[in-house]
Structure formats: structure tokens, C-alpha cells
């Protein structure tokens, strides 16, 4: 699947925040599961403090990612449309997003935080060249959870 990346529109931010619902344990990633993240995502002013992009494939919204520049490092967060998860699309999505970032930003390394239980995503990120750095305790969704910090050097 080929993705085209463009700035995230307000309409698509609302679709992602309000309509994208993940199955089972992955509901952890529903935007509505964390009020603070939800409010930041749907408010254009707050969302634009970082760069957010939508991923279009076959004329439809298929994913998104955000870029948070922190000196020579970039932290990325991303999401794939729920019906595409677990279908073998993730590696292509991540590889194409990383290529887009590489062509538009200056950085020494990319950083991601992924919930430790999400081994499906960890496997994809490792296949894209990210390496495990450490496990941290991170506040999210009203609690504290273990997250794996992963990095990829430029």
C-alpha cells in the first residue's frame, strides 16, 4: 500500500479522534481513552504545536503521525486506521512515514514510545530498524503504564 502524506485536516482529526475504535486491548489507543490527548488532538491550536500529518491511501484516510522535534531528536507518534491493523500494512506505513520525515526534517535519531503489551507494534518497529532502548513508566489513560522506548538512528 502506498501512502501520501499531507498536513492533518481538522475534519480528519475529528474522524480519527471520534470514530477510530480499536478492538480488545488495543482500545488503549482510542483517542477518547485519554481526555488530555483527545483535547489536544481535536483542538487545531494545540495540535499544531507539533506537526501532524494524515496518510491517505487509495483516496481514503488510512493513518496519521505526529512529529515532535526535541533538539537533534524527533519523537514520533502514529496510528493506522483500525481495520488496517494486523493486516501486514504496518511496516510499509512506518517505512514510508520515516522516509517522509527524513526528507522534511533535520534530526539525528527518531524516538518512539510504545506500550509494552503492544508486541504487534514492537515487532513492526523492530523490522523498520528501531531498537529497544529502555522501559519506562509513563502516565497515560488515567494510569501509569510500561512503555518501551525505541530509537532509530538516521
N, C-alpha and C. Protein backbone atom coordinates (compact mmCIF):
# COMPACT_ATOMS: atom_id res chain seq x y z
N UNK A 1 0.85 -1.18 0.00
CA UNK A 1 0.00 0.00 0.00
C UNK A 1 0.90 1.24 0.00
N UNK A 2 0.56 2.19 -0.85
CA UNK A 2 1.32 3.43 -0.93
C UNK A 2 0.55 4.54 -0.23
N UNK A 3 1.27 5.30 0.59
CA UNK A 3 0.66 6.38 1.36
C UNK A 3 1.12 7.73 0.85
N UNK A 4 0.21 8.69 0.84
CA UNK A 4 0.54 10.08 0.53
C UNK A 4 0.32 10.86 1.83
N UNK A 5 1.33 11.61 2.23
CA UNK A 5 1.27 12.36 3.49
C UNK A 5 1.02 13.82 3.23
N UNK A 6 0.15 14.41 4.04
CA UNK A 6 -0.18 15.83 3.95
C UNK A 6 -0.58 16.32 5.33
N UNK A 7 -0.58 17.63 5.55
CA UNK A 7 -0.98 18.13 6.87
C UNK A 7 -2.36 17.60 7.26
N UNK A 8 -2.51 17.25 8.52
CA UNK A 8 -3.76 16.70 9.03
C UNK A 8 -4.85 17.77 9.02
N UNK A 9 -5.94 17.49 8.34
CA UNK A 9 -7.07 18.42 8.29
C UNK A 9 -7.88 18.30 9.59
N UNK A 10 -8.60 19.36 9.89
CA UNK A 10 -9.46 19.33 11.08
C UNK A 10 -10.54 18.25 10.95
N UNK A 11 -11.12 18.12 9.77
CA UNK A 11 -12.15 17.10 9.57
C UNK A 11 -11.60 15.70 9.85
N UNK A 12 -10.40 15.41 9.34
CA UNK A 12 -9.82 14.09 9.56
C UNK A 12 -9.35 13.90 11.00
N UNK A 13 -8.92 14.97 11.66
CA UNK A 13 -8.57 14.86 13.08
C UNK A 13 -9.81 14.44 13.88
N UNK A 14 -10.95 15.00 13.55
CA UNK A 14 -12.19 14.64 14.25
C UNK A 14 -12.60 13.20 13.95
N UNK A 15 -12.42 12.76 12.71
CA UNK A 15 -12.73 11.37 12.36
C UNK A 15 -11.86 10.43 13.19
N UNK A 16 -10.56 10.68 13.23
CA UNK A 16 -9.63 9.83 13.98
C UNK A 16 -10.00 9.83 15.46
N UNK A 17 -10.21 11.02 16.02
CA UNK A 17 -10.46 11.16 17.46
C UNK A 17 -11.79 10.54 17.88
N UNK A 18 -12.80 10.67 17.06
CA UNK A 18 -14.14 10.25 17.48
C UNK A 18 -14.61 8.92 16.92
N UNK A 19 -14.08 8.51 15.78
CA UNK A 19 -14.62 7.31 15.12
C UNK A 19 -13.68 6.12 15.11
N UNK A 20 -12.37 6.36 15.22
CA UNK A 20 -11.45 5.23 15.17
C UNK A 20 -11.47 4.52 16.52
N UNK A 21 -11.97 3.30 16.52
CA UNK A 21 -12.05 2.48 17.74
C UNK A 21 -11.36 1.15 17.47
N UNK A 22 -10.43 0.83 18.35
CA UNK A 22 -9.63 -0.38 18.19
C UNK A 22 -10.21 -1.51 19.03
N UNK A 23 -10.00 -2.75 18.59
CA UNK A 23 -10.55 -3.93 19.26
C UNK A 23 -9.72 -4.34 20.46
N UNK A 24 -10.40 -4.92 21.46
CA UNK A 24 -9.75 -5.55 22.61
C UNK A 24 -8.79 -4.64 23.34
N UNK A 25 -7.61 -5.19 23.68
CA UNK A 25 -6.61 -4.43 24.45
C UNK A 25 -6.14 -3.20 23.70
N UNK A 26 -6.29 -3.21 22.38
CA UNK A 26 -5.82 -2.08 21.57
C UNK A 26 -6.74 -0.86 21.72
N UNK A 27 -7.87 -1.01 22.39
CA UNK A 27 -8.73 0.15 22.67
C UNK A 27 -7.98 1.17 23.53
N UNK A 28 -6.88 0.75 24.12
CA UNK A 28 -5.97 1.64 24.84
C UNK A 28 -5.59 2.83 23.95
N UNK A 29 -5.55 2.60 22.63
CA UNK A 29 -5.13 3.63 21.67
C UNK A 29 -6.29 4.47 21.13
N UNK A 30 -7.51 4.22 21.57
CA UNK A 30 -8.62 5.10 21.18
C UNK A 30 -8.33 6.49 21.72
N UNK A 31 -8.50 7.51 20.90
CA UNK A 31 -8.24 8.88 21.35
C UNK A 31 -9.10 9.24 22.56
N UNK A 32 -10.30 8.72 22.62
CA UNK A 32 -11.20 9.04 23.72
C UNK A 32 -10.79 8.37 25.03
N UNK A 33 -9.79 7.50 25.00
CA UNK A 33 -9.34 6.82 26.22
C UNK A 33 -8.49 7.73 27.10
N UNK A 34 -7.98 8.83 26.53
CA UNK A 34 -7.15 9.77 27.30
C UNK A 34 -7.63 11.18 26.99
N UNK A 35 -8.38 11.77 27.92
CA UNK A 35 -9.02 13.07 27.70
C UNK A 35 -8.02 14.15 27.31
N UNK A 36 -6.86 14.18 27.95
CA UNK A 36 -5.86 15.20 27.64
C UNK A 36 -5.36 15.07 26.20
N UNK A 37 -5.03 13.85 25.79
CA UNK A 37 -4.58 13.63 24.42
C UNK A 37 -5.70 13.95 23.42
N UNK A 38 -6.93 13.55 23.77
CA UNK A 38 -8.08 13.80 22.91
C UNK A 38 -8.26 15.30 22.68
N UNK A 39 -8.25 16.07 23.77
CA UNK A 39 -8.46 17.51 23.64
C UNK A 39 -7.36 18.17 22.83
N UNK A 40 -6.12 17.72 23.01
CA UNK A 40 -5.01 18.26 22.23
C UNK A 40 -5.16 17.93 20.75
N UNK A 41 -5.63 16.73 20.46
CA UNK A 41 -5.73 16.27 19.08
C UNK A 41 -6.84 16.99 18.31
N UNK A 42 -7.97 17.25 18.96
CA UNK A 42 -9.09 17.87 18.24
C UNK A 42 -9.01 19.40 18.18
N UNK A 43 -8.18 20.01 19.00
CA UNK A 43 -8.03 21.47 19.01
C UNK A 43 -6.91 21.85 18.06
N UNK A 44 -7.26 22.54 16.96
CA UNK A 44 -6.24 22.88 15.96
C UNK A 44 -5.07 23.66 16.53
N UNK A 45 -5.35 24.58 17.43
CA UNK A 45 -4.29 25.39 18.03
C UNK A 45 -3.32 24.55 18.84
N UNK A 46 -3.85 23.65 19.66
CA UNK A 46 -2.99 22.77 20.47
C UNK A 46 -2.28 21.74 19.59
N UNK A 47 -3.00 21.17 18.65
CA UNK A 47 -2.43 20.14 17.78
C UNK A 47 -1.29 20.70 16.95
N UNK A 48 -1.39 21.93 16.52
CA UNK A 48 -0.38 22.50 15.65
C UNK A 48 0.88 22.92 16.38
N UNK A 49 0.92 22.72 17.71
CA UNK A 49 2.18 22.93 18.43
C UNK A 49 3.22 21.92 17.95
N UNK A 50 2.76 20.81 17.43
CA UNK A 50 3.61 19.80 16.80
C UNK A 50 3.09 19.59 15.38
N UNK A 51 3.86 18.96 14.55
CA UNK A 51 3.44 18.73 13.17
C UNK A 51 2.67 17.42 13.08
N UNK A 52 1.45 17.49 12.58
CA UNK A 52 0.60 16.32 12.41
C UNK A 52 0.31 16.12 10.92
N UNK A 53 0.36 14.88 10.50
CA UNK A 53 0.13 14.53 9.10
C UNK A 53 -0.90 13.43 9.00
N UNK A 54 -1.66 13.47 7.91
CA UNK A 54 -2.58 12.38 7.60
C UNK A 54 -1.95 11.56 6.49
N UNK A 55 -2.25 10.28 6.52
CA UNK A 55 -1.76 9.35 5.49
C UNK A 55 -2.97 8.91 4.68
N UNK A 56 -2.92 9.22 3.40
CA UNK A 56 -4.00 8.85 2.50
C UNK A 56 -3.55 7.67 1.65
N UNK A 57 -4.44 6.72 1.43
CA UNK A 57 -4.15 5.57 0.57
C UNK A 57 -5.43 5.24 -0.20
N UNK A 58 -5.31 5.08 -1.48
CA UNK A 58 -6.46 4.79 -2.33
C UNK A 58 -7.60 5.78 -2.10
N UNK A 59 -7.24 7.07 -1.90
CA UNK A 59 -8.23 8.13 -1.75
C UNK A 59 -8.91 8.20 -0.40
N UNK A 60 -8.46 7.40 0.56
CA UNK A 60 -9.10 7.37 1.88
C UNK A 60 -8.08 7.60 2.99
N UNK A 61 -8.56 8.14 4.09
CA UNK A 61 -7.72 8.32 5.27
C UNK A 61 -7.33 6.94 5.80
N UNK A 62 -6.02 6.70 5.91
CA UNK A 62 -5.54 5.38 6.32
C UNK A 62 -4.69 5.43 7.58
N UNK A 63 -4.18 6.60 7.95
CA UNK A 63 -3.33 6.69 9.12
C UNK A 63 -2.95 8.13 9.40
N UNK A 64 -2.15 8.31 10.42
CA UNK A 64 -1.65 9.64 10.77
C UNK A 64 -0.35 9.48 11.54
N UNK A 65 0.41 10.56 11.62
CA UNK A 65 1.56 10.58 12.52
C UNK A 65 1.84 12.02 12.92
N UNK A 66 2.52 12.15 14.06
CA UNK A 66 2.94 13.47 14.53
C UNK A 66 4.44 13.46 14.75
N UNK A 67 5.03 14.64 14.62
CA UNK A 67 6.46 14.84 14.74
C UNK A 67 6.68 15.85 15.85
N UNK A 68 7.45 15.46 16.86
CA UNK A 68 7.78 16.36 17.96
C UNK A 68 9.30 16.53 17.97
N UNK A 69 9.74 17.69 17.53
CA UNK A 69 11.18 17.96 17.44
C UNK A 69 11.69 18.30 18.84
N UNK A 70 12.74 17.61 19.26
CA UNK A 70 13.37 17.85 20.56
C UNK A 70 14.88 17.90 20.34
N UNK A 71 15.37 19.08 19.95
CA UNK A 71 16.78 19.20 19.62
C UNK A 71 17.12 18.33 18.44
N UNK A 72 18.16 17.51 18.55
CA UNK A 72 18.55 16.67 17.42
C UNK A 72 17.70 15.39 17.28
N UNK A 73 16.76 15.20 18.19
CA UNK A 73 15.90 14.01 18.14
C UNK A 73 14.48 14.41 17.73
N UNK A 74 13.80 13.48 17.11
CA UNK A 74 12.39 13.64 16.78
C UNK A 74 11.64 12.47 17.40
N UNK A 75 10.63 12.80 18.20
CA UNK A 75 9.73 11.76 18.70
C UNK A 75 8.55 11.69 17.75
N UNK A 76 8.19 10.48 17.37
CA UNK A 76 7.04 10.32 16.50
C UNK A 76 5.98 9.48 17.20
N UNK A 77 4.75 9.83 16.91
CA UNK A 77 3.60 9.06 17.35
C UNK A 77 2.78 8.79 16.11
N UNK A 78 2.17 7.63 16.03
CA UNK A 78 1.43 7.32 14.81
C UNK A 78 0.26 6.41 15.09
N UNK A 79 -0.61 6.34 14.12
CA UNK A 79 -1.76 5.46 14.21
C UNK A 79 -2.20 5.03 12.83
N UNK A 80 -2.66 3.81 12.74
CA UNK A 80 -3.17 3.24 11.50
C UNK A 80 -4.67 3.01 11.69
N UNK A 81 -5.44 3.24 10.65
CA UNK A 81 -6.89 3.03 10.73
C UNK A 81 -7.18 1.63 11.29
N UNK A 82 -8.09 1.51 12.24
CA UNK A 82 -8.30 0.22 12.92
C UNK A 82 -8.49 -0.99 12.01
N UNK A 83 -9.21 -0.85 10.91
CA UNK A 83 -9.44 -2.01 10.05
C UNK A 83 -8.20 -2.43 9.28
N UNK A 84 -7.14 -1.61 9.30
CA UNK A 84 -5.89 -1.97 8.62
C UNK A 84 -4.89 -2.64 9.57
N UNK A 85 -5.15 -2.55 10.88
CA UNK A 85 -4.23 -3.13 11.86
C UNK A 85 -4.26 -4.66 11.80
N UNK A 86 -3.08 -5.25 11.93
CA UNK A 86 -2.97 -6.70 11.91
C UNK A 86 -3.12 -7.30 10.53
N UNK A 87 -3.01 -6.47 9.49
CA UNK A 87 -3.20 -6.95 8.11
C UNK A 87 -1.90 -6.89 7.29
N UNK A 88 -0.75 -6.65 7.97
CA UNK A 88 0.51 -6.61 7.25
C UNK A 88 0.82 -5.28 6.58
N UNK A 89 0.09 -4.23 6.97
CA UNK A 89 0.26 -2.91 6.37
C UNK A 89 1.25 -2.05 7.17
N UNK A 90 1.46 -2.38 8.43
CA UNK A 90 2.22 -1.53 9.34
C UNK A 90 3.64 -1.24 8.92
N UNK A 91 4.38 -2.22 8.46
CA UNK A 91 5.79 -1.99 8.08
C UNK A 91 5.88 -0.98 6.95
N UNK A 92 5.07 -1.12 5.94
CA UNK A 92 5.07 -0.18 4.82
C UNK A 92 4.69 1.22 5.29
N UNK A 93 3.72 1.31 6.17
CA UNK A 93 3.29 2.61 6.69
C UNK A 93 4.43 3.28 7.45
N UNK A 94 5.06 2.55 8.36
CA UNK A 94 6.15 3.12 9.16
C UNK A 94 7.34 3.47 8.27
N UNK A 95 7.73 2.59 7.36
CA UNK A 95 8.85 2.87 6.48
C UNK A 95 8.59 4.13 5.64
N UNK A 96 7.39 4.27 5.11
CA UNK A 96 7.07 5.43 4.29
C UNK A 96 7.00 6.71 5.13
N UNK A 97 6.47 6.62 6.35
CA UNK A 97 6.43 7.78 7.24
C UNK A 97 7.85 8.22 7.61
N UNK A 98 8.72 7.26 7.91
CA UNK A 98 10.12 7.58 8.24
C UNK A 98 10.81 8.24 7.05
N UNK A 99 10.57 7.74 5.84
CA UNK A 99 11.15 8.35 4.65
C UNK A 99 10.66 9.78 4.46
N UNK A 100 9.37 10.00 4.71
CA UNK A 100 8.81 11.35 4.62
C UNK A 100 9.50 12.28 5.62
N UNK A 101 9.62 11.83 6.86
CA UNK A 101 10.26 12.63 7.91
C UNK A 101 11.71 12.92 7.52
N UNK A 102 12.40 11.90 7.01
CA UNK A 102 13.80 12.05 6.61
C UNK A 102 13.96 13.13 5.53
N UNK A 103 12.97 13.26 4.66
CA UNK A 103 13.03 14.24 3.59
C UNK A 103 12.60 15.64 3.99
N UNK A 104 12.01 15.79 5.18
CA UNK A 104 11.44 17.09 5.57
C UNK A 104 12.01 17.67 6.86
N UNK A 105 12.78 16.89 7.60
CA UNK A 105 13.27 17.34 8.91
C UNK A 105 14.75 17.04 9.06
N UNK A 106 15.40 17.81 9.92
CA UNK A 106 16.78 17.55 10.32
C UNK A 106 16.74 16.86 11.68
N UNK A 107 17.43 15.76 11.83
CA UNK A 107 17.46 15.03 13.09
C UNK A 107 18.61 14.05 13.10
N UNK A 108 18.98 13.62 14.30
CA UNK A 108 20.00 12.58 14.46
C UNK A 108 19.36 11.22 14.71
N UNK A 109 18.20 11.23 15.38
CA UNK A 109 17.53 9.97 15.68
C UNK A 109 16.03 10.18 15.82
N UNK A 110 15.30 9.10 15.57
CA UNK A 110 13.86 9.06 15.78
C UNK A 110 13.59 8.27 17.05
N UNK A 111 12.61 8.71 17.82
CA UNK A 111 12.27 8.06 19.08
C UNK A 111 10.78 7.75 19.08
N UNK A 112 10.42 6.57 19.57
CA UNK A 112 9.02 6.20 19.75
C UNK A 112 8.84 5.58 21.12
N UNK A 113 7.65 5.81 21.69
CA UNK A 113 7.25 5.15 22.93
C UNK A 113 6.07 4.25 22.57
N UNK A 114 6.16 2.98 22.90
CA UNK A 114 5.08 2.05 22.59
C UNK A 114 4.75 1.26 23.85
N UNK A 115 3.47 1.11 24.13
CA UNK A 115 3.05 0.34 25.29
C UNK A 115 3.64 -1.06 25.20
N UNK A 116 4.23 -1.54 26.28
CA UNK A 116 4.92 -2.83 26.30
C UNK A 116 4.01 -3.97 25.85
N UNK A 117 2.73 -3.91 26.20
CA UNK A 117 1.83 -5.00 25.82
C UNK A 117 1.62 -5.08 24.30
N UNK A 118 1.92 -4.01 23.57
CA UNK A 118 1.64 -3.96 22.14
C UNK A 118 2.78 -4.59 21.33
N UNK A 119 2.92 -5.89 21.49
CA UNK A 119 4.01 -6.60 20.81
C UNK A 119 3.83 -6.62 19.30
N UNK A 120 2.62 -6.48 18.83
CA UNK A 120 2.38 -6.39 17.38
C UNK A 120 3.10 -5.17 16.81
N UNK A 121 2.98 -4.02 17.48
CA UNK A 121 3.65 -2.79 17.02
C UNK A 121 5.15 -2.88 17.24
N UNK A 122 5.58 -3.43 18.38
CA UNK A 122 7.01 -3.55 18.66
C UNK A 122 7.69 -4.35 17.55
N UNK A 123 7.06 -5.42 17.12
CA UNK A 123 7.62 -6.26 16.05
C UNK A 123 7.76 -5.46 14.75
N UNK A 124 6.75 -4.66 14.43
CA UNK A 124 6.81 -3.83 13.22
C UNK A 124 7.95 -2.82 13.33
N UNK A 125 8.04 -2.12 14.46
CA UNK A 125 9.06 -1.09 14.63
C UNK A 125 10.46 -1.69 14.56
N UNK A 126 10.65 -2.85 15.16
CA UNK A 126 11.95 -3.53 15.06
C UNK A 126 12.28 -3.86 13.60
N UNK A 127 11.28 -4.32 12.85
CA UNK A 127 11.51 -4.66 11.44
C UNK A 127 11.84 -3.44 10.60
N UNK A 128 11.51 -2.24 11.11
CA UNK A 128 11.80 -0.97 10.42
C UNK A 128 13.11 -0.35 10.90
N UNK A 129 13.86 -1.07 11.75
CA UNK A 129 15.17 -0.59 12.18
C UNK A 129 15.21 0.11 13.52
N UNK A 130 14.08 0.16 14.22
CA UNK A 130 14.10 0.74 15.57
C UNK A 130 14.65 -0.29 16.53
N UNK A 131 15.41 0.18 17.52
CA UNK A 131 15.98 -0.73 18.52
C UNK A 131 15.43 -0.37 19.89
N UNK A 132 15.35 -1.37 20.74
CA UNK A 132 14.89 -1.17 22.13
C UNK A 132 15.94 -0.40 22.90
N UNK A 133 15.51 0.61 23.66
CA UNK A 133 16.44 1.40 24.46
C UNK A 133 16.22 1.14 25.94
N UNK A 134 14.98 1.29 26.40
CA UNK A 134 14.67 1.08 27.82
C UNK A 134 13.16 1.02 27.99
N UNK A 135 12.75 0.53 29.13
CA UNK A 135 11.34 0.52 29.53
C UNK A 135 11.16 1.59 30.59
N UNK A 136 10.13 2.41 30.42
CA UNK A 136 9.84 3.48 31.37
C UNK A 136 8.40 3.36 31.86
N UNK A 137 8.12 3.99 32.97
CA UNK A 137 6.76 4.12 33.48
C UNK A 137 6.23 5.46 32.96
N UNK A 138 5.07 5.45 32.32
CA UNK A 138 4.55 6.67 31.71
C UNK A 138 3.07 6.81 32.03
N UNK A 139 2.66 8.02 32.39
CA UNK A 139 1.24 8.30 32.64
C UNK A 139 0.50 8.34 31.32
N UNK A 140 -0.64 7.66 31.29
CA UNK A 140 -1.49 7.64 30.11
C UNK A 140 -2.84 7.07 30.49
N UNK A 141 -3.88 7.54 29.84
CA UNK A 141 -5.22 6.98 30.02
C UNK A 141 -5.63 6.85 31.48
N UNK A 142 -5.23 7.80 32.31
CA UNK A 142 -5.64 7.81 33.70
C UNK A 142 -4.85 6.88 34.60
N UNK A 143 -3.77 6.32 34.13
CA UNK A 143 -2.95 5.41 34.94
C UNK A 143 -1.49 5.54 34.56
N UNK A 144 -0.68 4.64 35.09
CA UNK A 144 0.74 4.60 34.75
C UNK A 144 1.01 3.23 34.14
N UNK A 145 1.65 3.24 32.97
CA UNK A 145 1.87 2.01 32.21
C UNK A 145 3.33 1.92 31.79
N UNK A 146 3.75 0.68 31.51
CA UNK A 146 5.10 0.46 30.99
C UNK A 146 5.12 0.74 29.49
N UNK A 147 6.08 1.56 29.10
CA UNK A 147 6.29 1.85 27.68
C UNK A 147 7.72 1.52 27.31
N UNK A 148 7.88 0.95 26.14
CA UNK A 148 9.19 0.66 25.59
C UNK A 148 9.62 1.87 24.76
N UNK A 149 10.79 2.42 25.08
CA UNK A 149 11.37 3.50 24.29
C UNK A 149 12.21 2.85 23.21
N UNK A 150 11.94 3.23 21.96
CA UNK A 150 12.65 2.67 20.82
C UNK A 150 13.28 3.81 20.03
N UNK A 151 14.45 3.57 19.43
CA UNK A 151 15.14 4.59 18.67
C UNK A 151 15.64 4.04 17.35
N UNK A 152 15.74 4.94 16.40
CA UNK A 152 16.34 4.62 15.10
C UNK A 152 17.26 5.77 14.73
N UNK A 153 18.53 5.47 14.53
CA UNK A 153 19.50 6.50 14.14
C UNK A 153 19.28 6.86 12.67
N UNK A 154 19.62 8.07 12.35
CA UNK A 154 19.48 8.50 10.95
C UNK A 154 20.56 7.86 10.10
